[in-house]
Protein backbone atom coordinates (compact mmCIF):
# COMPACT_ATOMS: atom_id res chain seq x y z
CA MET A 1 0.54 0.07 0.03
CA LEU A 2 1.60 3.14 -1.04
CA PHE A 3 -0.54 5.51 0.17
CA LEU A 4 -3.16 5.52 3.29
CA SER A 5 -7.26 6.06 2.55
CA LEU A 6 -8.08 9.79 4.06
CA LYS A 7 -10.68 8.29 5.92
CA ILE A 8 -8.28 5.87 7.87
CA GLN A 9 -5.30 8.28 8.39
CA ASN A 10 -8.31 11.05 9.93
CA LEU A 11 -9.55 8.61 12.13
CA LEU A 12 -5.91 7.22 13.27
CA ASN A 13 -5.14 10.74 13.51
CA ALA A 14 -7.97 11.66 15.93
CA ILE A 15 -6.88 8.88 17.74
CA LEU A 16 -3.64 9.58 17.75
CA LYS A 17 -4.32 12.82 19.45
CA LYS A 18 -6.94 11.94 21.85
CA MET A 19 -4.54 8.92 23.17
CA ILE A 20 -1.40 11.07 23.38
CA GLU A 21 -3.47 14.54 25.33
CA THR A 22 -4.88 11.91 27.16
CA PHE A 23 -1.50 9.68 28.41
CA GLU A 24 0.53 12.46 27.62
CA ASP A 25 -1.03 15.59 28.16
CA TRP A 26 -2.35 18.59 26.06
CA PRO A 27 0.73 20.56 25.15
CA CYS A 28 2.04 19.48 21.26
CA CYS A 29 -0.18 16.61 20.79
CA ALA A 30 -1.01 18.00 17.62
CA ASP A 31 2.72 17.93 16.83
CA LYS A 32 2.94 14.94 17.81
CA SER A 33 0.12 13.08 16.02
CA ARG A 34 1.60 14.98 12.85
CA THR A 35 5.51 13.49 13.23
CA ILE A 36 3.78 9.96 13.46
CA MET A 37 1.82 10.14 10.51
CA LYS A 38 4.65 11.85 8.70
CA GLY A 39 6.71 8.24 9.07
CA LEU A 40 3.71 6.10 9.29
CA LEU A 41 3.38 7.78 5.80
CA ASN A 42 7.24 7.67 4.96
CA TYR A 43 7.35 3.87 5.50
CA TYR A 44 4.72 2.70 3.42
CA LYS A 45 5.92 5.44 0.29
CA ASN A 46 9.71 4.64 1.12
CA ASN A 47 10.04 1.69 3.10
CA GLU A 48 12.07 3.35 5.52
CA GLU A 49 11.92 2.69 9.59
CA ILE A 50 10.80 4.83 11.46
CA ILE A 51 12.78 6.33 13.99
CA PHE A 52 13.18 9.31 16.01
CA ASP A 53 16.02 11.15 17.29
CA TYR A 54 15.80 12.17 20.61
CA LYS A 55 18.90 14.13 20.94
CA GLN A 56 17.84 16.52 18.35
CA GLN A 57 18.03 20.21 20.14
CA TYR A 58 14.06 20.48 19.97
CA THR A 59 12.23 17.55 20.49
CA TYR A 60 8.30 18.76 21.53
CA HIS A 61 7.02 17.34 18.31
CA LEU A 62 8.44 13.63 19.37
CA PRO A 63 6.01 11.55 21.77
CA LYS A 64 6.98 10.72 25.41
CA ILE A 65 5.62 7.32 26.72
CA LEU A 66 3.43 6.12 23.29
CA PHE A 67 4.53 5.32 20.27
CA LYS A 68 8.10 6.25 20.52
CA THR A 69 8.90 2.76 17.63
CA HIS A 70 8.31 1.36 14.57
CA ASP A 71 7.01 -1.57 16.09
CA GLN A 72 4.48 0.44 18.43
CA ILE A 73 3.40 2.46 15.86
CA ILE A 74 2.81 0.12 12.71
CA GLU A 75 1.35 -2.37 15.33
CA PHE A 76 -1.29 0.73 16.44
CA TYR A 77 -2.08 1.74 12.80
CA GLU A 78 -3.38 -1.95 11.97
CA GLY A 79 -5.44 -2.47 14.49
CA VAL A 80 -7.37 1.62 13.70
CA LYS A 81 -7.19 -0.45 10.50
CA GLY A 82 -8.92 -3.26 11.44
CA LEU A 83 -11.52 -1.15 13.52
CA TYR A 84 -12.62 1.22 10.05
CA TYR A 85 -12.91 -2.09 8.45
CA GLY A 86 -14.78 -3.89 11.46
CA SER A 87 -12.43 -5.87 13.24
CA LEU A 88 -12.13 -5.55 16.77
CA GLU A 89 -8.95 -7.65 17.46
CA LYS A 90 -6.79 -6.17 16.11
CA TYR A 91 -7.19 -2.82 17.51
CA LEU A 92 -7.73 -4.20 21.19
CA GLN A 93 -4.97 -5.45 21.07
CA ALA A 94 -3.15 -2.43 20.50
CA PHE A 95 -5.04 -0.54 22.41
CA VAL A 96 -4.24 -3.08 25.75
CA ASN A 97 -0.37 -2.58 24.47
CA VAL A 98 -0.55 1.20 24.90
CA LYS A 99 -2.22 1.16 28.29
CA ASN A 100 0.73 -1.19 29.21
CA ILE A 101 3.28 0.48 28.50
CA VAL A 102 0.84 4.17 29.99
CA ASN A 103 0.61 1.93 33.06
CA GLU A 104 5.05 0.45 33.14
CA PHE A 105 5.74 4.14 32.38
CA ASP A 106 3.54 5.49 35.79
CA HIS A 107 4.80 2.49 37.87
CA LEU A 108 8.37 3.89 36.86
CA ASN A 109 7.44 7.45 37.85
């Protein structure tokens, strides 16, 4: 797939923003979701793994807790795509994995 359906993009972006706002806080949630979406589109267009540079000068646009790795992003995208097409299983599993990451982060802090 060279591009994501616009409807799935919109759904995914809305869910990402809400999850980032809920679990990381409101500031920059739109920047973070845009960064994730750009990485995802680049992956499907150019087959380049999604890797964020947390050592750069400005990192406000990078996710701090959720969706930090390629595998987490792809799993969540596949879950949302499944949800869009009426299959809850992948989405629920991806959501459980996200919740586990949040719980682990909360436990460490």
